[in-house]
């Protein structure tokens, strides 16, 4: 059980250690950089030293209805539906270096995907103002496959018996395929920092996992739209049970709260502070492909209690495996006792 758990930790902690961005325009577009439920299960664990790979496919279907307005790509729109699929490719390097007694890890994340956005009413913005653009009041659609902003992170993780905890810092760097004035963008086109902490209690004998993770997101300004998204708080919790050595099932709850309002000349709808709670479940399976341990996890959450945001269903399909894991350190050879005459 401990061998399987070690491989499972290595795979699943990869997604939690390298927190990724959401494929849309953050609170500026009624969504956020942080995706609810992404940090758990195993939200406090850093895997053993080595190199790991993760591919997380993110699914989202949501809408802002009831003639409510939002801004996307500098456009003011209402009655918006979004259906998107994006993939986040992550490389995680857990170094042999320890800082303050914790394991030091670095990650690089590259997102890409295709948000399909339909605005029931186009009210204002570049799509209206372009010389050959659409007139105000009509329906607008957009769907383009494009790369997102690259993301880097650094993590410190500690372990003591069944307890694991970590601190992480994430930076999203504007450098993706952002198209000003368009509805379909993966890139956020601004600097975003996220600082977080997580803790996990994992009992291999009982097959019980309990995790909690919380953090703050600090947003810069989108220079293309002159929109500054407010700062945000997020928290995730999970409880899982390993029904066998290879299969676990669990529940997840998440809450997001915008702490400061949006600002800047591009924020035409005012502070537009948002909040949302999401609840759902997860199932994970660990097996071997050849001699490589592979972890696959499915997570589905439904957003409830929503304000100034899209409301919909979130899905994750995570596939993680180690590329290389450092061998355990050999126990030191016993030293002969010295004798004195």
Protein backbone atom coordinates (compact mmCIF):
# COMPACT_ATOMS: atom_id res chain seq x y z
CA UNK A 1 0.00 0.00 0.00
CA UNK A 2 2.83 2.41 0.80
CA UNK A 3 4.45 1.80 -2.62
CA UNK A 4 1.19 2.46 -4.45
CA UNK A 5 0.53 5.53 -2.28
CA UNK A 6 3.99 6.92 -3.04
CA UNK A 7 3.33 6.71 -6.79
CA UNK A 8 -0.17 8.11 -6.35
CA UNK A 9 1.22 11.04 -4.38
CA UNK A 10 3.72 11.70 -7.13
CA UNK A 11 1.09 11.80 -9.84
CA UNK A 12 -1.73 13.64 -8.12
CA UNK A 13 0.42 16.17 -6.28
CA UNK A 14 1.69 17.33 -9.66
CA UNK A 15 -1.56 19.08 -10.53
CA UNK A 16 -1.81 20.60 -7.07
CA UNK A 17 1.81 21.77 -6.99
CA UNK A 18 1.54 23.52 -10.35
CA UNK A 19 -1.66 25.51 -10.08
CA UNK A 20 -2.87 26.61 -13.47
CA UNK A 21 -5.00 29.36 -14.94
CA UNK A 22 -8.53 29.28 -16.23
CA UNK A 23 -8.99 29.53 -20.01
CA UNK A 24 -10.88 32.82 -20.14
CA UNK A 25 -10.64 36.45 -19.09
CA UNK A 26 -10.63 36.14 -15.26
CA UNK A 27 -13.08 38.33 -13.30
CA UNK A 28 -12.91 40.66 -16.31
CA UNK A 29 -14.95 38.05 -18.17
CA UNK A 30 -16.99 36.68 -15.27
CA UNK A 31 -14.47 33.90 -14.56
CA UNK A 32 -11.24 33.77 -12.55
CA UNK A 33 -7.59 32.72 -12.85
CA UNK A 34 -8.15 30.14 -10.14
CA UNK A 35 -10.44 27.22 -10.97
CA UNK A 36 -12.57 25.85 -8.16
CA UNK A 37 -11.53 22.40 -6.97
CA UNK A 38 -8.18 22.31 -8.74
CA UNK A 39 -5.96 22.06 -5.63
CA UNK A 40 -7.49 18.95 -4.02
CA UNK A 41 -7.33 16.01 -3.29
CA UNK A 42 -3.76 15.73 -1.91
CA UNK A 43 -3.55 19.52 -1.73
CA UNK A 44 -0.71 19.56 0.80
CA UNK A 45 1.63 17.00 -0.76
CA UNK A 46 4.85 17.46 -2.72
CA UNK A 47 6.01 14.15 -4.29
CA UNK A 48 9.47 12.62 -3.82
CA UNK A 49 12.41 14.20 -5.69
CA UNK A 50 12.14 13.55 -9.41
CA UNK A 51 10.65 14.76 -12.68
CA UNK A 52 6.89 14.41 -13.31
CA UNK A 53 4.47 15.03 -16.18
CA UNK A 54 0.78 15.91 -16.02
CA UNK A 55 -1.88 16.57 -18.63
CA UNK A 56 -5.07 18.06 -17.21
CA UNK A 57 -8.00 18.52 -19.57
CA UNK A 58 -10.42 21.12 -18.29
CA UNK A 59 -14.08 21.23 -19.31
CA UNK A 60 -16.46 24.07 -18.54
CA UNK A 61 -20.03 24.79 -19.58
CA UNK A 62 -21.66 27.88 -18.11
CA UNK A 63 -23.73 30.95 -18.76
CA UNK A 64 -24.64 34.41 -17.56
CA UNK A 65 -28.35 34.76 -18.28
CA UNK A 66 -31.25 36.97 -17.28
CA UNK A 67 -30.00 39.90 -19.39
CA UNK A 68 -27.04 40.25 -17.00
CA UNK A 69 -23.97 41.89 -18.49
CA UNK A 70 -20.27 41.11 -18.40
CA UNK A 71 -17.12 42.19 -20.27
CA UNK A 72 -15.11 39.87 -22.48
CA UNK A 73 -12.15 41.07 -24.52
CA UNK A 74 -13.22 44.68 -24.03
CA UNK A 75 -16.76 43.99 -25.25
CA UNK A 76 -19.84 44.56 -23.09
CA UNK A 77 -22.15 41.59 -23.68
CA UNK A 78 -25.25 40.01 -22.12
CA UNK A 79 -26.86 36.55 -22.04
CA UNK A 80 -23.52 34.81 -22.60
CA UNK A 81 -22.94 31.06 -22.93
CA UNK A 82 -19.45 29.53 -22.84
CA UNK A 83 -18.47 25.97 -23.68
CA UNK A 84 -14.76 25.34 -23.54
CA UNK A 85 -12.20 22.57 -23.52
CA UNK A 86 -8.60 23.33 -22.62
CA UNK A 87 -5.52 21.33 -21.77
CA UNK A 88 -2.81 22.24 -19.27
CA UNK A 89 0.50 20.48 -19.89
CA UNK A 90 2.68 20.54 -16.79
CA UNK A 91 6.26 19.58 -16.04
CA UNK A 92 7.18 19.37 -12.34
CA UNK A 93 10.73 19.10 -11.01
CA UNK A 94 11.04 18.20 -7.34
CA UNK A 95 14.65 19.00 -6.52
CA UNK A 96 16.81 17.24 -3.93
CA UNK A 97 17.32 20.66 -2.32
CA UNK A 98 15.71 21.42 1.01
CA UNK A 99 14.89 24.92 2.25
CA UNK A 100 13.90 25.37 5.90
CA UNK A 101 13.50 21.60 6.04
CA UNK A 102 11.06 21.53 3.11
CA UNK A 103 11.41 19.96 -0.34
CA UNK A 104 11.84 22.56 -3.10
CA UNK A 105 9.93 22.07 -6.37
CA UNK A 106 9.46 24.05 -9.60
CA UNK A 107 6.79 23.67 -12.28
CA UNK A 108 6.06 25.00 -15.76
CA UNK A 109 2.52 24.97 -17.18
CA UNK A 110 1.46 25.64 -20.77
CA UNK A 111 -2.30 25.95 -21.43
CA UNK A 112 -4.03 25.83 -24.79
CA UNK A 113 -7.64 25.34 -25.84
CA UNK A 114 -10.74 26.60 -27.62
CA UNK A 115 -13.41 28.57 -25.75
CA UNK A 116 -16.66 28.65 -27.71
CA UNK A 117 -18.46 31.84 -26.63
CA UNK A 118 -21.93 32.98 -27.67
CA UNK A 119 -23.18 36.41 -26.62
CA UNK A 120 -26.94 36.79 -26.95
CA UNK A 121 -26.61 40.56 -27.04
CA UNK A 122 -23.55 42.57 -28.13
CA UNK A 123 -23.84 45.99 -26.48
CA UNK A 124 -20.54 47.81 -26.92
CA UNK A 125 -16.84 47.35 -27.52
CA UNK A 126 -14.36 46.62 -30.32
CA UNK A 127 -16.69 44.19 -32.13
CA UNK A 128 -19.22 47.04 -32.44
CA UNK A 129 -16.75 49.83 -33.12
CA UNK A 130 -14.70 48.13 -35.83
CA UNK A 131 -15.23 49.62 -39.28
CA UNK A 132 -16.63 46.33 -40.56
CA UNK A 133 -17.84 45.16 -37.14
CA UNK A 134 -21.25 44.07 -36.01
CA UNK A 135 -23.99 46.53 -35.03
CA UNK A 136 -24.98 46.77 -31.37
CA UNK A 137 -27.79 44.50 -30.19
CA UNK A 138 -27.06 41.45 -32.34
CA UNK A 139 -25.80 38.00 -31.38
CA UNK A 140 -22.03 37.38 -31.53
CA UNK A 141 -20.16 34.07 -31.63
CA UNK A 142 -16.46 33.26 -31.39
CA UNK A 143 -14.43 30.04 -31.13
CA UNK A 144 -10.68 29.89 -31.74
CA UNK A 145 -7.99 27.41 -30.76
CA UNK A 146 -5.16 29.40 -29.19
CA UNK A 147 -2.35 29.15 -26.61
CA UNK A 148 -2.64 30.62 -23.14
CA UNK A 149 -0.14 32.49 -21.00
CA UNK A 150 2.78 30.40 -19.68
CA UNK A 151 2.74 29.77 -15.93
CA UNK A 152 5.63 29.07 -13.54
CA UNK A 153 5.49 28.05 -9.88
CA UNK A 154 7.72 27.30 -6.91
CA UNK A 155 6.70 25.11 -3.96
CA UNK A 156 8.06 24.10 -0.57
CA UNK A 157 6.64 20.92 0.98
CA UNK A 158 7.04 19.30 4.40
CA UNK A 159 6.12 15.84 5.72
CA UNK A 160 5.67 14.38 9.20
CA UNK A 161 4.11 10.94 9.49
CA UNK A 162 0.64 11.07 7.91
CA UNK A 163 0.71 14.87 7.76
CA UNK A 164 1.87 16.83 4.70
CA UNK A 165 1.78 20.57 4.10
CA UNK A 166 3.17 23.05 1.57
CA UNK A 167 3.46 26.68 0.48
CA UNK A 168 3.29 27.63 -3.22
CA UNK A 169 3.77 30.71 -5.37
CA UNK A 170 2.47 30.89 -8.96
CA UNK A 171 3.09 33.50 -11.67
CA UNK A 172 1.13 33.79 -14.94
CA UNK A 173 3.18 35.66 -17.56
CA UNK A 174 1.40 37.49 -20.43
CA UNK A 175 2.78 35.83 -23.54
CA UNK A 176 -0.05 33.79 -25.03
CA UNK A 177 -2.11 34.25 -28.16
CA UNK A 178 -4.39 37.02 -26.84
CA UNK A 179 -6.47 38.76 -29.53
CA UNK A 180 -7.77 42.14 -28.43
CA UNK A 181 -11.49 42.60 -29.01
CA UNK A 182 -12.25 38.89 -29.48
CA UNK A 183 -14.57 36.78 -27.31
CA UNK A 184 -12.51 33.57 -27.48
CA UNK A 185 -9.17 33.87 -25.67
CA UNK A 186 -7.23 31.43 -23.51
CA UNK A 187 -4.56 34.00 -22.61
CA UNK A 188 -5.32 36.49 -19.82
CA UNK A 189 -2.82 39.08 -21.12
CA UNK A 190 -1.69 40.38 -17.74
CA UNK A 191 0.60 39.41 -14.89
CA UNK A 192 -1.12 37.36 -12.20
CA UNK A 193 0.37 36.08 -8.95
CA UNK A 194 -1.13 33.46 -6.65
CA UNK A 195 0.16 32.53 -3.21
CA UNK A 196 -1.33 29.55 -1.37
CA UNK A 197 -0.90 26.99 1.35
CA UNK A 198 -2.26 23.46 1.65
CA UNK A 199 -2.37 20.62 4.18
CA UNK A 200 -3.19 16.92 3.81
CA UNK A 201 -3.77 14.10 6.27
CA UNK A 202 -3.20 10.79 4.48
CA UNK A 203 -3.48 7.49 6.36
CA UNK A 204 -2.36 4.62 4.07
CA UNK A 205 -3.50 1.97 6.56
CA UNK A 206 -7.08 3.26 6.77
CA UNK A 207 -7.13 4.60 3.19
CA UNK A 208 -8.35 8.05 4.29
CA UNK A 209 -7.35 11.40 2.76
CA UNK A 210 -8.37 14.84 4.07
CA UNK A 211 -7.12 18.03 2.42
CA UNK A 212 -7.57 21.79 2.58
CA UNK A 213 -5.91 24.52 0.48
CA UNK A 214 -6.39 28.30 0.48
CA UNK A 215 -4.77 31.24 -1.26
CA UNK A 216 -4.89 34.75 -2.62
CA UNK A 217 -4.76 35.86 -6.28
CA UNK A 218 -3.21 39.24 -7.12
CA UNK A 219 -4.16 40.59 -10.55
CA UNK A 220 -2.36 43.05 -12.79
CA UNK A 221 -3.83 45.20 -15.57
CA UNK A 222 -4.72 43.96 -19.04
CA UNK A 223 -3.01 46.59 -21.24
CA UNK A 224 -5.22 45.78 -24.23
CA UNK A 225 -8.48 46.54 -22.40
CA UNK A 226 -7.16 48.78 -19.56
CA UNK A 227 -9.08 46.56 -17.15
CA UNK A 228 -7.70 45.80 -13.67
CA UNK A 229 -9.32 42.80 -12.02
CA UNK A 230 -9.65 42.93 -8.23
CA UNK A 231 -7.75 40.65 -5.87
CA UNK A 232 -9.32 37.32 -4.91
CA UNK A 233 -9.46 34.63 -2.22
CA UNK A 234 -10.05 30.91 -2.80
CA UNK A 235 -10.34 27.81 -0.61
CA UNK A 236 -10.79 24.10 -1.43
CA UNK A 237 -11.46 21.11 0.83
CA UNK A 238 -11.73 17.39 0.09
CA UNK A 239 -12.31 14.04 1.77
CA UNK A 240 -11.48 10.77 0.02
CA UNK A 241 -11.56 7.05 0.73
CA UNK A 242 -9.37 4.43 -0.97
CA UNK A 243 -11.82 1.60 -1.62
CA UNK A 244 -8.92 -0.49 -2.96
CA UNK A 245 -5.18 0.13 -3.30
CA UNK A 246 -5.81 1.41 -6.84
CA UNK A 247 -9.17 3.25 -6.59
CA UNK A 248 -10.30 6.20 -4.47
CA UNK A 249 -13.55 8.18 -4.34
CA UNK A 250 -14.22 11.47 -2.62
CA UNK A 251 -16.10 14.74 -2.28
CA UNK A 252 -14.87 18.29 -2.97
CA UNK A 253 -16.11 21.74 -1.95
CA UNK A 254 -14.67 25.08 -3.06
CA UNK A 255 -15.34 28.78 -2.47
CA UNK A 256 -14.11 31.85 -4.37
CA UNK A 257 -14.56 35.44 -3.19
CA UNK A 258 -13.37 38.64 -4.86
CA UNK A 259 -11.91 40.88 -2.15
CA UNK A 260 -11.51 44.16 -4.05
CA UNK A 261 -13.48 45.55 -6.96
CA UNK A 262 -12.41 45.78 -10.59
CA UNK A 263 -11.05 49.15 -11.69
CA UNK A 264 -9.44 51.09 -14.52
CA UNK A 265 -10.92 52.95 -17.51
CA UNK A 266 -11.81 49.64 -19.16
CA UNK A 267 -14.02 48.47 -16.26
CA UNK A 268 -17.27 49.82 -17.74
CA UNK A 269 -19.51 47.83 -15.39
CA UNK A 270 -17.93 49.14 -12.19
CA UNK A 271 -16.37 47.04 -9.38
CA UNK A 272 -18.15 43.85 -10.57
CA UNK A 273 -17.06 41.84 -7.50
CA UNK A 274 -17.83 38.14 -7.82
CA UNK A 275 -18.19 35.09 -5.64
CA UNK A 276 -19.09 31.45 -6.14
CA UNK A 277 -19.31 28.17 -4.24
CA UNK A 278 -18.83 24.83 -6.02
CA UNK A 279 -19.45 21.27 -4.81
CA UNK A 280 -18.76 17.93 -6.45
CA UNK A 281 -17.00 14.61 -6.40
CA UNK A 282 -13.92 12.80 -7.64
CA UNK A 283 -12.69 9.32 -8.52
CA UNK A 284 -9.04 8.35 -8.97
CA UNK A 285 -7.44 5.22 -10.42
CA UNK A 286 -3.79 4.21 -10.22
CA UNK A 287 -2.28 1.53 -12.43
CA UNK A 288 0.84 0.62 -14.35
CA UNK A 289 1.54 1.20 -18.04
CA UNK A 290 4.48 -1.02 -18.64
CA UNK A 291 6.46 -0.36 -15.49
CA UNK A 292 5.39 3.28 -15.17
CA UNK A 293 2.78 4.09 -12.50
CA UNK A 294 0.01 6.21 -14.05
CA UNK A 295 -2.66 8.07 -12.09
CA UNK A 296 -5.93 9.10 -13.73
CA UNK A 297 -8.46 11.26 -11.91
CA UNK A 298 -11.87 12.62 -12.85
CA UNK A 299 -13.39 15.57 -10.97
CA UNK A 300 -16.81 17.16 -11.56
CA UNK A 301 -18.14 20.20 -9.68
CA UNK A 302 -21.31 22.27 -9.97
CA UNK A 303 -21.21 26.00 -9.26
CA UNK A 304 -23.87 27.32 -6.84
CA UNK A 305 -24.51 30.59 -4.98
CA UNK A 306 -23.04 32.67 -7.83
CA UNK A 307 -22.73 36.46 -8.07
CA UNK A 308 -21.29 38.44 -11.04
CA UNK A 309 -19.85 35.31 -12.65
CA UNK A 310 -20.70 32.53 -15.03
CA UNK A 311 -22.60 29.65 -13.46
CA UNK A 312 -22.01 26.17 -14.78
CA UNK A 313 -20.35 22.77 -14.46
CA UNK A 314 -16.60 22.17 -14.09
CA UNK A 315 -14.80 19.00 -15.12
CA UNK A 316 -11.18 17.84 -14.88
CA UNK A 317 -9.55 14.77 -16.41
CA UNK A 318 -6.01 14.44 -15.04
CA UNK A 319 -3.37 11.99 -16.23
CA UNK A 320 -0.09 12.05 -14.29
CA UNK A 321 3.04 9.92 -14.21
CA UNK A 322 6.69 10.17 -13.19
CA UNK A 323 9.35 10.54 -15.87
CA UNK A 324 12.10 9.89 -13.34
CA UNK A 325 12.14 9.45 -9.56
CA UNK A 326 15.29 9.74 -7.49
CA UNK A 327 16.20 6.46 -5.77
CA UNK A 328 15.83 6.44 -1.99
CA UNK A 329 18.90 7.46 -0.09
CA UNK A 330 20.87 4.50 1.16
CA UNK A 331 21.12 4.16 4.91
CA UNK A 332 24.57 5.14 6.18
CA UNK A 333 26.92 2.27 6.91
CA UNK A 334 27.51 1.70 10.61
CA UNK A 335 30.75 3.17 11.85
CA UNK A 336 33.10 0.99 13.91
CA UNK A 337 33.38 1.88 17.52
CA UNK A 338 36.64 3.58 18.36
CA UNK A 339 38.79 2.17 21.12
CA UNK A 340 41.28 3.97 23.21
CA UNK A 341 44.17 2.36 24.93
